Amino acid sequence: MELLIINGPNLNMLGKRNPEVYGDQDFDSFFKELSEELDEMKLEAFQSNHEGEIVEKLQLSKADGIILNAGGFTHTSVAIADAIEAIEAPVIEVHISNPAAREPFRHTSLIAPHVEGSIAGFGLESYWIAIVAFQGIIDEA
């Protein structure tokens, strides 16, 4: 199984930005652990602070599934929502924090109607949960 993890804006700041919300581990070290633990699975990670680059990555991906933490674009990007709707690969929305427990503007996800499901509030473990979910989704296909 091949999975692509796409992280949106400011997720390159994990471990530095608001550690009380996002934890103190950077994504690169987390991804290294993930890859070592799941060596039978092909994992790719991509991060961008630019909406168009995320849209292009979604459109060009050949992965079996995509884990998407769109960050702030979750609440603002019609373009990313449209890209998810247009592709065949299933997408799972992931958030490290729980947007529903935060500021009101974070309560609406424009991408949620176009994904297989959403996982939020479990820290970096949210990515693990998404991988387990994909194992079930892809095995059923």
C-alpha atoms as a PDB file:
ATOM      1  CA  MET A   1       0.000   0.000   0.000  1.00  0.00           C
ATOM      2  CA  GLU A   2       1.243   3.466  -0.893  1.00  0.00           C
ATOM      3  CA  LEU A   3       0.106   6.425   1.206  1.00  0.00           C
ATOM      4  CA  LEU A   4       0.826  10.104   0.738  1.00  0.00           C
ATOM      5  CA  ILE A   5       0.741  12.433   3.733  1.00  0.00           C
ATOM      6  CA  ILE A   6       0.146  16.059   2.797  1.00  0.00           C
ATOM      7  CA  ASN A   7       0.624  18.737   5.431  1.00  0.00           C
ATOM      8  CA  GLY A   8      -0.493  22.291   4.853  1.00  0.00           C
ATOM      9  CA  PRO A   9       0.596  25.678   6.124  1.00  0.00           C
ATOM     10  CA  ASN A  10       2.605  26.056   9.317  1.00  0.00           C
ATOM     11  CA  LEU A  11       2.926  22.317   9.871  1.00  0.00           C
ATOM     12  CA  ASN A  12       6.620  22.722   9.093  1.00  0.00           C
ATOM     13  CA  MET A  13       6.680  24.513  12.476  1.00  0.00           C
ATOM     14  CA  LEU A  14       5.628  21.465  14.511  1.00  0.00           C
ATOM     15  CA  GLY A  15       7.680  21.196  17.664  1.00  0.00           C
ATOM     16  CA  LYS A  16       8.177  24.972  17.726  1.00  0.00           C
ATOM     17  CA  ARG A  17       4.739  26.513  17.255  1.00  0.00           C
ATOM     18  CA  ASN A  18       2.282  26.320  20.173  1.00  0.00           C
ATOM     19  CA  PRO A  19       3.652  23.108  21.710  1.00  0.00           C
ATOM     20  CA  GLU A  20       0.766  23.141  24.194  1.00  0.00           C
ATOM     21  CA  VAL A  21      -1.585  22.634  21.226  1.00  0.00           C
ATOM     22  CA  TYR A  22       0.559  20.709  18.719  1.00  0.00           C
ATOM     23  CA  GLY A  23       3.133  18.953  20.906  1.00  0.00           C
ATOM     24  CA  ASP A  24       6.895  19.299  20.926  1.00  0.00           C
ATOM     25  CA  GLN A  25       7.888  16.775  18.240  1.00  0.00           C
ATOM     26  CA  ASP A  26       8.724  17.959  14.743  1.00  0.00           C
ATOM     27  CA  PHE A  27       7.066  16.170  11.825  1.00  0.00           C
ATOM     28  CA  ASP A  28      10.312  14.954  10.242  1.00  0.00           C
ATOM     29  CA  SER A  29      11.296  12.931  13.329  1.00  0.00           C
ATOM     30  CA  PHE A  30       7.734  11.640  13.663  1.00  0.00           C
ATOM     31  CA  PHE A  31       7.683  10.626   9.981  1.00  0.00           C
ATOM     32  CA  LYS A  32      11.005   8.814  10.381  1.00  0.00           C
ATOM     33  CA  GLU A  33       9.521   6.776  13.268  1.00  0.00           C
ATOM     34  CA  LEU A  34       6.391   6.102  11.242  1.00  0.00           C
ATOM     35  CA  SER A  35       8.377   4.925   8.212  1.00  0.00           C
ATOM     36  CA  GLU A  36      10.595   2.645  10.294  1.00  0.00           C
ATOM     37  CA  GLU A  37       7.595   1.127  12.058  1.00  0.00           C
ATOM     38  CA  LEU A  38       5.725   0.575   8.773  1.00  0.00           C
ATOM     39  CA  ASP A  39       8.599  -0.493   6.541  1.00  0.00           C
ATOM     40  CA  GLU A  40       6.310  -2.749   4.467  1.00  0.00           C
ATOM     41  CA  MET A  41       4.260   0.292   3.460  1.00  0.00           C
ATOM     42  CA  LYS A  42       5.391   2.970   1.042  1.00  0.00           C
ATOM     43  CA  LEU A  43       4.946   6.344   2.724  1.00  0.00           C
ATOM     44  CA  GLU A  44       5.622   9.764   1.258  1.00  0.00           C
ATOM     45  CA  ALA A  45       5.365  13.068   3.106  1.00  0.00           C
ATOM     46  CA  PHE A  46       4.842  16.470   1.519  1.00  0.00           C
ATOM     47  CA  GLN A  47       4.409  19.850   3.194  1.00  0.00           C
ATOM     48  CA  SER A  48       3.627  23.210   1.661  1.00  0.00           C
ATOM     49  CA  ASN A  49       2.527  26.604   2.853  1.00  0.00           C
ATOM     50  CA  HIS A  50       1.119  27.262  -0.635  1.00  0.00           C
ATOM     51  CA  GLU A  51      -2.415  26.309  -1.593  1.00  0.00           C
ATOM     52  CA  GLY A  52      -1.673  25.717  -5.292  1.00  0.00           C
ATOM     53  CA  GLU A  53       1.164  23.310  -4.505  1.00  0.00           C
ATOM     54  CA  ILE A  54      -1.194  21.248  -2.340  1.00  0.00           C
ATOM     55  CA  VAL A  55      -3.803  21.205  -5.124  1.00  0.00           C
ATOM     56  CA  GLU A  56      -1.172  20.023  -7.628  1.00  0.00           C
ATOM     57  CA  LYS A  57       0.136  17.335  -5.260  1.00  0.00           C
ATOM     58  CA  LEU A  58      -3.418  16.008  -4.799  1.00  0.00           C
ATOM     59  CA  GLN A  59      -4.053  16.011  -8.554  1.00  0.00           C
ATOM     60  CA  LEU A  60      -0.767  14.317  -9.487  1.00  0.00           C
ATOM     61  CA  SER A  61      -0.637  11.707  -6.727  1.00  0.00           C
ATOM     62  CA  LYS A  62      -0.585   8.039  -7.700  1.00  0.00           C
ATOM     63  CA  ALA A  63      -0.895   6.899  -4.058  1.00  0.00           C
ATOM     64  CA  ASP A  64      -3.530   4.402  -2.955  1.00  0.00           C
ATOM     65  CA  GLY A  65      -4.673   6.877  -0.327  1.00  0.00           C
ATOM     66  CA  ILE A  66      -3.946  10.365   0.955  1.00  0.00           C
ATOM     67  CA  ILE A  67      -3.803  11.614   4.519  1.00  0.00           C
ATOM     68  CA  LEU A  68      -4.375  15.365   4.455  1.00  0.00           C
ATOM     69  CA  ASN A  69      -3.773  17.824   7.259  1.00  0.00           C
ATOM     70  CA  ALA A  70      -4.690  20.993   5.397  1.00  0.00           C
ATOM     71  CA  GLY A  71      -4.018  23.175   8.435  1.00  0.00           C
ATOM     72  CA  GLY A  72      -5.674  26.573   8.110  1.00  0.00           C
ATOM     73  CA  PHE A  73      -6.703  25.790   4.521  1.00  0.00           C
ATOM     74  CA  THR A  74      -9.239  23.355   5.998  1.00  0.00           C
ATOM     75  CA  HIS A  75     -11.476  26.306   6.789  1.00  0.00           C
ATOM     76  CA  THR A  76     -10.784  28.491   3.757  1.00  0.00           C
ATOM     77  CA  SER A  77      -9.835  26.544   0.628  1.00  0.00           C
ATOM     78  CA  VAL A  78     -12.511  25.827  -1.912  1.00  0.00           C
ATOM     79  CA  ALA A  79      -9.663  24.959  -4.314  1.00  0.00           C
ATOM     80  CA  ILE A  80      -8.391  22.110  -2.106  1.00  0.00           C
ATOM     81  CA  ALA A  81     -11.950  20.882  -1.516  1.00  0.00           C
ATOM     82  CA  ASP A  82     -12.543  20.848  -5.288  1.00  0.00           C
ATOM     83  CA  ALA A  83      -9.260  18.992  -5.880  1.00  0.00           C
ATOM     84  CA  ILE A  84     -10.226  16.277  -3.388  1.00  0.00           C
ATOM     85  CA  GLU A  85     -13.611  15.925  -5.050  1.00  0.00           C
ATOM     86  CA  ALA A  86     -11.958  15.573  -8.475  1.00  0.00           C
ATOM     87  CA  ILE A  87      -9.468  12.808  -7.676  1.00  0.00           C
ATOM     88  CA  GLU A  88     -10.060   9.082  -7.352  1.00  0.00           C
ATOM     89  CA  ALA A  89      -7.767   8.327  -4.417  1.00  0.00           C
ATOM     90  CA  PRO A  90      -9.557   8.286  -1.059  1.00  0.00           C
ATOM     91  CA  VAL A  91      -8.564  11.071   1.337  1.00  0.00           C
ATOM     92  CA  ILE A  92      -8.703  11.106   5.128  1.00  0.00           C
ATOM     93  CA  GLU A  93      -8.678  14.502   6.836  1.00  0.00           C
ATOM     94  CA  VAL A  94      -6.392  14.673   9.874  1.00  0.00           C
ATOM     95  CA  HIS A  95      -5.874  17.311  12.536  1.00  0.00           C
ATOM     96  CA  ILE A  96      -3.423  17.201  15.412  1.00  0.00           C
ATOM     97  CA  SER A  97      -5.630  19.368  17.598  1.00  0.00           C
ATOM     98  CA  ASN A  98      -9.410  19.234  17.823  1.00  0.00           C
ATOM     99  CA  PRO A  99     -10.721  22.119  15.681  1.00  0.00           C
ATOM    100  CA  ALA A 100     -14.197  21.802  17.250  1.00  0.00           C
ATOM    101  CA  ALA A 101     -12.706  22.646  20.649  1.00  0.00           C
ATOM    102  CA  ARG A 102     -10.921  25.740  19.356  1.00  0.00           C
ATOM    103  CA  GLU A 103     -11.914  29.127  17.944  1.00  0.00           C
ATOM    104  CA  PRO A 104     -15.297  29.229  16.167  1.00  0.00           C
ATOM    105  CA  PHE A 105     -13.746  29.908  12.744  1.00  0.00           C
ATOM    106  CA  ARG A 106     -12.033  26.501  12.976  1.00  0.00           C
ATOM    107  CA  HIS A 107     -15.340  24.643  13.421  1.00  0.00           C
ATOM    108  CA  THR A 108     -16.114  24.488   9.690  1.00  0.00           C
ATOM    109  CA  SER A 109     -14.163  22.235   7.340  1.00  0.00           C
ATOM    110  CA  LEU A 110     -14.645  22.925   3.649  1.00  0.00           C
ATOM    111  CA  ILE A 111     -12.883  19.666   2.822  1.00  0.00           C
ATOM    112  CA  ALA A 112     -14.907  17.388   5.131  1.00  0.00           C
ATOM    113  CA  PRO A 113     -17.737  16.750   2.621  1.00  0.00           C
ATOM    114  CA  HIS A 114     -15.204  15.297   0.164  1.00  0.00           C
ATOM    115  CA  VAL A 115     -13.152  12.954   2.377  1.00  0.00           C
ATOM    116  CA  GLU A 116     -13.678   9.392   3.585  1.00  0.00           C
ATOM    117  CA  GLY A 117     -13.545  10.569   7.187  1.00  0.00           C
ATOM    118  CA  SER A 118     -11.933  12.952   9.636  1.00  0.00           C
ATOM    119  CA  ILE A 119      -9.631  12.270  12.588  1.00  0.00           C
ATOM    120  CA  ALA A 120      -8.851  15.062  15.027  1.00  0.00           C
ATOM    121  CA  GLY A 121      -7.527  15.768  18.456  1.00  0.00           C
ATOM    122  CA  PHE A 122      -5.141  12.863  19.059  1.00  0.00           C
ATOM    123  CA  GLY A 123      -1.898  14.730  18.429  1.00  0.00           C
ATOM    124  CA  LEU A 124       0.474  13.088  15.985  1.00  0.00           C
ATOM    125  CA  GLU A 125      -1.287   9.797  16.764  1.00  0.00           C
ATOM    126  CA  SER A 126      -4.022  11.079  14.421  1.00  0.00           C
ATOM    127  CA  TYR A 127      -1.768  10.066  11.516  1.00  0.00           C
ATOM    128  CA  TRP A 128      -1.418   6.519  12.915  1.00  0.00           C
ATOM    129  CA  ILE A 129      -5.192   6.267  13.266  1.00  0.00           C
ATOM    130  CA  ALA A 130      -5.594   7.364   9.635  1.00  0.00           C
ATOM    131  CA  ILE A 131      -3.146   4.680   8.481  1.00  0.00           C
ATOM    132  CA  VAL A 132      -5.100   1.999  10.355  1.00  0.00           C
ATOM    133  CA  ALA A 133      -8.307   3.323   8.776  1.00  0.00           C
ATOM    134  CA  PHE A 134      -6.718   3.147   5.328  1.00  0.00           C
ATOM    135  CA  GLN A 135      -5.719  -0.449   5.862  1.00  0.00           C
ATOM    136  CA  GLY A 136      -9.418  -1.233   6.261  1.00  0.00           C
ATOM    137  CA  ILE A 137     -10.551   0.970   3.381  1.00  0.00           C
ATOM    138  CA  ILE A 138      -7.999  -0.374   0.898  1.00  0.00           C
ATOM    139  CA  ASP A 139      -8.447  -4.004   1.978  1.00  0.00           C
ATOM    140  CA  GLU A 140     -12.193  -3.656   1.258  1.00  0.00           C
ATOM    141  CA  ALA A 141     -11.591  -2.273  -2.248  1.00  0.00           C
END
